[in-house]
């Protein structure tokens, strides 16, 4: 994920990690989840149940 990256300080690394986690959970589309993001898929399952 951050192979070869350098960061000014710990705060920069933490910020990048938080942005990646946000992307991974809310914007990343998975075909295995019927083309939905993980959050959309979980919300759809909650509404159906």
PDB file of N, CA and C in Angstrom:
ATOM      1  N   UNK A   1       0.821  -1.186   0.000  1.00  0.00           N
ATOM      2  CA  UNK A   1       0.000   0.000   0.000  1.00  0.00           C
ATOM      3  C   UNK A   1       0.866   1.251   0.000  1.00  0.00           C
ATOM      4  N   UNK A   2       1.843   1.324   0.877  1.00  0.00           N
ATOM      5  CA  UNK A   2       2.711   2.490   0.945  1.00  0.00           C
ATOM      6  C   UNK A   2       4.166   2.111   0.713  1.00  0.00           C
ATOM      7  N   UNK A   3       4.400   1.016  -0.012  1.00  0.00           N
ATOM      8  CA  UNK A   3       5.762   0.543  -0.267  1.00  0.00           C
ATOM      9  C   UNK A   3       6.568   1.632  -0.985  1.00  0.00           C
ATOM     10  N   UNK A   4       7.694   1.986  -0.419  1.00  0.00           N
ATOM     11  CA  UNK A   4       8.565   2.985  -1.023  1.00  0.00           C
ATOM     12  C   UNK A   4       8.188   4.420  -0.714  1.00  0.00           C
ATOM     13  N   UNK A   5       7.112   4.627   0.002  1.00  0.00           N
ATOM     14  CA  UNK A   5       6.692   5.989   0.362  1.00  0.00           C
ATOM     15  C   UNK A   5       7.475   6.465   1.579  1.00  0.00           C
ATOM     16  N   UNK A   6       7.699   7.755   1.628  1.00  0.00           N
ATOM     17  CA  UNK A   6       8.303   8.353   2.815  1.00  0.00           C
ATOM     18  C   UNK A   6       7.330   9.407   3.350  1.00  0.00           C
ATOM     19  N   UNK A   7       7.352   9.596   4.629  1.00  0.00           N
ATOM     20  CA  UNK A   7       6.437  10.534   5.271  1.00  0.00           C
ATOM     21  C   UNK A   7       7.236  11.517   6.106  1.00  0.00           C
ATOM     22  N   UNK A   8       6.734  12.731   6.160  1.00  0.00           N
ATOM     23  CA  UNK A   8       7.404  13.784   6.927  1.00  0.00           C
ATOM     24  C   UNK A   8       7.467  13.427   8.410  1.00  0.00           C
ATOM     25  N   UNK A   9       6.325  12.929   8.918  1.00  0.00           N
ATOM     26  CA  UNK A   9       6.264  12.580  10.332  1.00  0.00           C
ATOM     27  C   UNK A   9       5.130  11.588  10.562  1.00  0.00           C
ATOM     28  N   UNK A  10       4.940  11.236  11.806  1.00  0.00           N
ATOM     29  CA  UNK A  10       3.919  10.253  12.169  1.00  0.00           C
ATOM     30  C   UNK A  10       2.520  10.732  11.792  1.00  0.00           C
ATOM     31  N   UNK A  11       2.258  12.016  11.940  1.00  0.00           N
ATOM     32  CA  UNK A  11       0.933  12.558  11.617  1.00  0.00           C
ATOM     33  C   UNK A  11       0.600  12.383  10.146  1.00  0.00           C
ATOM     34  N   UNK A  12       1.581  12.545   9.245  1.00  0.00           N
ATOM     35  CA  UNK A  12       1.348  12.340   7.819  1.00  0.00           C
ATOM     36  C   UNK A  12       0.994  10.887   7.531  1.00  0.00           C
ATOM     37  N   UNK A  13       1.696   9.970   8.169  1.00  0.00           N
ATOM     38  CA  UNK A  13       1.409   8.549   7.990  1.00  0.00           C
ATOM     39  C   UNK A  13      -0.002   8.231   8.481  1.00  0.00           C
ATOM     40  N   UNK A  14      -0.359   8.734   9.646  1.00  0.00           N
ATOM     41  CA  UNK A  14      -1.694   8.485  10.198  1.00  0.00           C
ATOM     42  C   UNK A  14      -2.776   9.032   9.273  1.00  0.00           C
ATOM     43  N   UNK A  15      -2.568  10.222   8.728  1.00  0.00           N
ATOM     44  CA  UNK A  15      -3.534  10.818   7.811  1.00  0.00           C
ATOM     45  C   UNK A  15      -3.700   9.952   6.566  1.00  0.00           C
ATOM     46  N   UNK A  16      -2.602   9.490   5.986  1.00  0.00           N
ATOM     47  CA  UNK A  16      -2.672   8.626   4.807  1.00  0.00           C
ATOM     48  C   UNK A  16      -3.392   7.323   5.111  1.00  0.00           C
ATOM     49  N   UNK A  17      -3.129   6.741   6.260  1.00  0.00           N
ATOM     50  CA  UNK A  17      -3.811   5.499   6.653  1.00  0.00           C
ATOM     51  C   UNK A  17      -5.309   5.718   6.800  1.00  0.00           C
ATOM     52  N   UNK A  18      -5.703   6.814   7.422  1.00  0.00           N
ATOM     53  CA  UNK A  18      -7.121   7.112   7.586  1.00  0.00           C
ATOM     54  C   UNK A  18      -7.807   7.301   6.242  1.00  0.00           C
ATOM     55  N   UNK A  19      -7.145   7.977   5.302  1.00  0.00           N
ATOM     56  CA  UNK A  19      -7.710   8.168   3.972  1.00  0.00           C
ATOM     57  C   UNK A  19      -7.853   6.840   3.248  1.00  0.00           C
ATOM     58  N   UNK A  20      -6.860   5.962   3.390  1.00  0.00           N
ATOM     59  CA  UNK A  20      -6.924   4.661   2.738  1.00  0.00           C
ATOM     60  C   UNK A  20      -8.044   3.802   3.331  1.00  0.00           C
ATOM     61  N   UNK A  21      -8.182   3.826   4.642  1.00  0.00           N
ATOM     62  CA  UNK A  21      -9.243   3.055   5.290  1.00  0.00           C
ATOM     63  C   UNK A  21     -10.609   3.563   4.836  1.00  0.00           C
ATOM     64  N   UNK A  22     -10.766   4.883   4.725  1.00  0.00           N
ATOM     65  CA  UNK A  22     -12.017   5.456   4.243  1.00  0.00           C
ATOM     66  C   UNK A  22     -12.296   4.988   2.822  1.00  0.00           C
ATOM     67  N   UNK A  23     -11.300   5.049   1.945  1.00  0.00           N
ATOM     68  CA  UNK A  23     -11.462   4.570   0.578  1.00  0.00           C
ATOM     69  C   UNK A  23     -11.848   3.087   0.566  1.00  0.00           C
ATOM     70  N   UNK A  24     -11.122   2.289   1.328  1.00  0.00           N
ATOM     71  CA  UNK A  24     -11.316   0.844   1.323  1.00  0.00           C
ATOM     72  C   UNK A  24     -12.726   0.459   1.767  1.00  0.00           C
ATOM     73  N   UNK A  25     -13.284   1.196   2.716  1.00  0.00           N
ATOM     74  CA  UNK A  25     -14.601   0.855   3.249  1.00  0.00           C
ATOM     75  C   UNK A  25     -15.764   1.541   2.561  1.00  0.00           C
ATOM     76  N   UNK A  26     -15.537   2.708   1.953  1.00  0.00           N
ATOM     77  CA  UNK A  26     -16.681   3.473   1.442  1.00  0.00           C
ATOM     78  C   UNK A  26     -16.685   3.719  -0.059  1.00  0.00           C
ATOM     79  N   UNK A  27     -15.549   3.570  -0.728  1.00  0.00           N
ATOM     80  CA  UNK A  27     -15.502   3.917  -2.154  1.00  0.00           C
ATOM     81  C   UNK A  27     -15.088   2.767  -3.062  1.00  0.00           C
ATOM     82  N   UNK A  28     -14.464   1.746  -2.509  1.00  0.00           N
ATOM     83  CA  UNK A  28     -13.930   0.623  -3.289  1.00  0.00           C
ATOM     84  C   UNK A  28     -15.080  -0.282  -3.713  1.00  0.00           C
ATOM     85  N   UNK A  29     -15.269  -0.414  -5.016  1.00  0.00           N
ATOM     86  CA  UNK A  29     -16.340  -1.248  -5.551  1.00  0.00           C
ATOM     87  C   UNK A  29     -15.818  -2.674  -5.723  1.00  0.00           C
ATOM     88  N   UNK A  30     -16.597  -3.633  -5.237  1.00  0.00           N
ATOM     89  CA  UNK A  30     -16.224  -5.038  -5.344  1.00  0.00           C
ATOM     90  C   UNK A  30     -17.267  -5.762  -6.182  1.00  0.00           C
ATOM     91  N   UNK A  31     -16.823  -6.457  -7.211  1.00  0.00           N
ATOM     92  CA  UNK A  31     -17.742  -7.235  -8.036  1.00  0.00           C
ATOM     93  C   UNK A  31     -18.355  -8.376  -7.218  1.00  0.00           C
ATOM     94  N   UNK A  32     -17.589  -8.911  -6.269  1.00  0.00           N
ATOM     95  CA  UNK A  32     -18.098  -9.988  -5.423  1.00  0.00           C
ATOM     96  C   UNK A  32     -19.272  -9.525  -4.567  1.00  0.00           C
ATOM     97  N   UNK A  33     -19.366  -8.220  -4.355  1.00  0.00           N
ATOM     98  CA  UNK A  33     -20.471  -7.648  -3.582  1.00  0.00           C
ATOM     99  C   UNK A  33     -21.520  -7.034  -4.502  1.00  0.00           C
ATOM    100  N   UNK A  34     -21.660  -7.619  -5.681  1.00  0.00           N
ATOM    101  CA  UNK A  34     -22.637  -7.167  -6.681  1.00  0.00           C
ATOM    102  C   UNK A  34     -22.395  -5.736  -7.142  1.00  0.00           C
ATOM    103  N   UNK A  35     -21.131  -5.338  -7.228  1.00  0.00           N
ATOM    104  CA  UNK A  35     -20.777  -4.008  -7.714  1.00  0.00           C
ATOM    105  C   UNK A  35     -20.991  -2.897  -6.702  1.00  0.00           C
ATOM    106  N   UNK A  36     -21.154  -3.263  -5.445  1.00  0.00           N
ATOM    107  CA  UNK A  36     -21.366  -2.273  -4.391  1.00  0.00           C
ATOM    108  C   UNK A  36     -20.095  -2.084  -3.581  1.00  0.00           C
ATOM    109  N   UNK A  37     -20.024  -0.984  -2.864  1.00  0.00           N
ATOM    110  CA  UNK A  37     -18.941  -0.798  -1.903  1.00  0.00           C
ATOM    111  C   UNK A  37     -19.282  -1.617  -0.659  1.00  0.00           C
ATOM    112  N   UNK A  38     -18.311  -1.909   0.182  1.00  0.00           N
ATOM    113  CA  UNK A  38     -18.621  -2.667   1.402  1.00  0.00           C
ATOM    114  C   UNK A  38     -19.703  -2.013   2.266  1.00  0.00           C
ATOM    115  N   UNK A  39     -19.671  -0.697   2.393  1.00  0.00           N
ATOM    116  CA  UNK A  39     -20.683  -0.010   3.197  1.00  0.00           C
ATOM    117  C   UNK A  39     -22.062  -0.143   2.557  1.00  0.00           C
ATOM    118  N   UNK A  40     -22.151   0.034   1.251  1.00  0.00           N
ATOM    119  CA  UNK A  40     -23.435  -0.103   0.566  1.00  0.00           C
ATOM    120  C   UNK A  40     -23.986  -1.519   0.723  1.00  0.00           C
ATOM    121  N   UNK A  41     -23.112  -2.497   0.608  1.00  0.00           N
ATOM    122  CA  UNK A  41     -23.528  -3.887   0.738  1.00  0.00           C
ATOM    123  C   UNK A  41     -24.067  -4.175   2.139  1.00  0.00           C
ATOM    124  N   UNK A  42     -23.355  -3.694   3.162  1.00  0.00           N
ATOM    125  CA  UNK A  42     -23.816  -3.892   4.541  1.00  0.00           C
ATOM    126  C   UNK A  42     -25.155  -3.197   4.775  1.00  0.00           C
ATOM    127  N   UNK A  43     -25.314  -1.987   4.258  1.00  0.00           N
ATOM    128  CA  UNK A  43     -26.572  -1.254   4.429  1.00  0.00           C
ATOM    129  C   UNK A  43     -27.707  -1.978   3.732  1.00  0.00           C
ATOM    130  N   UNK A  44     -27.457  -2.518   2.555  1.00  0.00           N
ATOM    131  CA  UNK A  44     -28.472  -3.260   1.818  1.00  0.00           C
ATOM    132  C   UNK A  44     -28.883  -4.510   2.609  1.00  0.00           C
ATOM    133  N   UNK A  45     -27.917  -5.201   3.196  1.00  0.00           N
ATOM    134  CA  UNK A  45     -28.215  -6.391   3.986  1.00  0.00           C
ATOM    135  C   UNK A  45     -29.034  -6.034   5.226  1.00  0.00           C
ATOM    136  N   UNK A  46     -28.726  -4.901   5.851  1.00  0.00           N
ATOM    137  CA  UNK A  46     -29.465  -4.478   7.034  1.00  0.00           C
ATOM    138  C   UNK A  46     -30.920  -4.136   6.707  1.00  0.00           C
ATOM    139  N   UNK A  47     -31.123  -3.505   5.557  1.00  0.00           N
ATOM    140  CA  UNK A  47     -32.490  -3.136   5.158  1.00  0.00           C
ATOM    141  C   UNK A  47     -33.319  -4.369   4.806  1.00  0.00           C
ATOM    142  N   UNK A  48     -32.672  -5.382   4.251  1.00  0.00           N
ATOM    143  CA  UNK A  48     -33.373  -6.590   3.857  1.00  0.00           C
ATOM    144  C   UNK A  48     -33.715  -7.479   5.056  1.00  0.00           C
ATOM    145  N   UNK A  49     -32.915  -7.352   6.120  1.00  0.00           N
ATOM    146  CA  UNK A  49     -33.089  -8.262   7.261  1.00  0.00           C
ATOM    147  C   UNK A  49     -33.974  -7.727   8.278  1.00  0.00           C
TER     148      UNK A  49
END
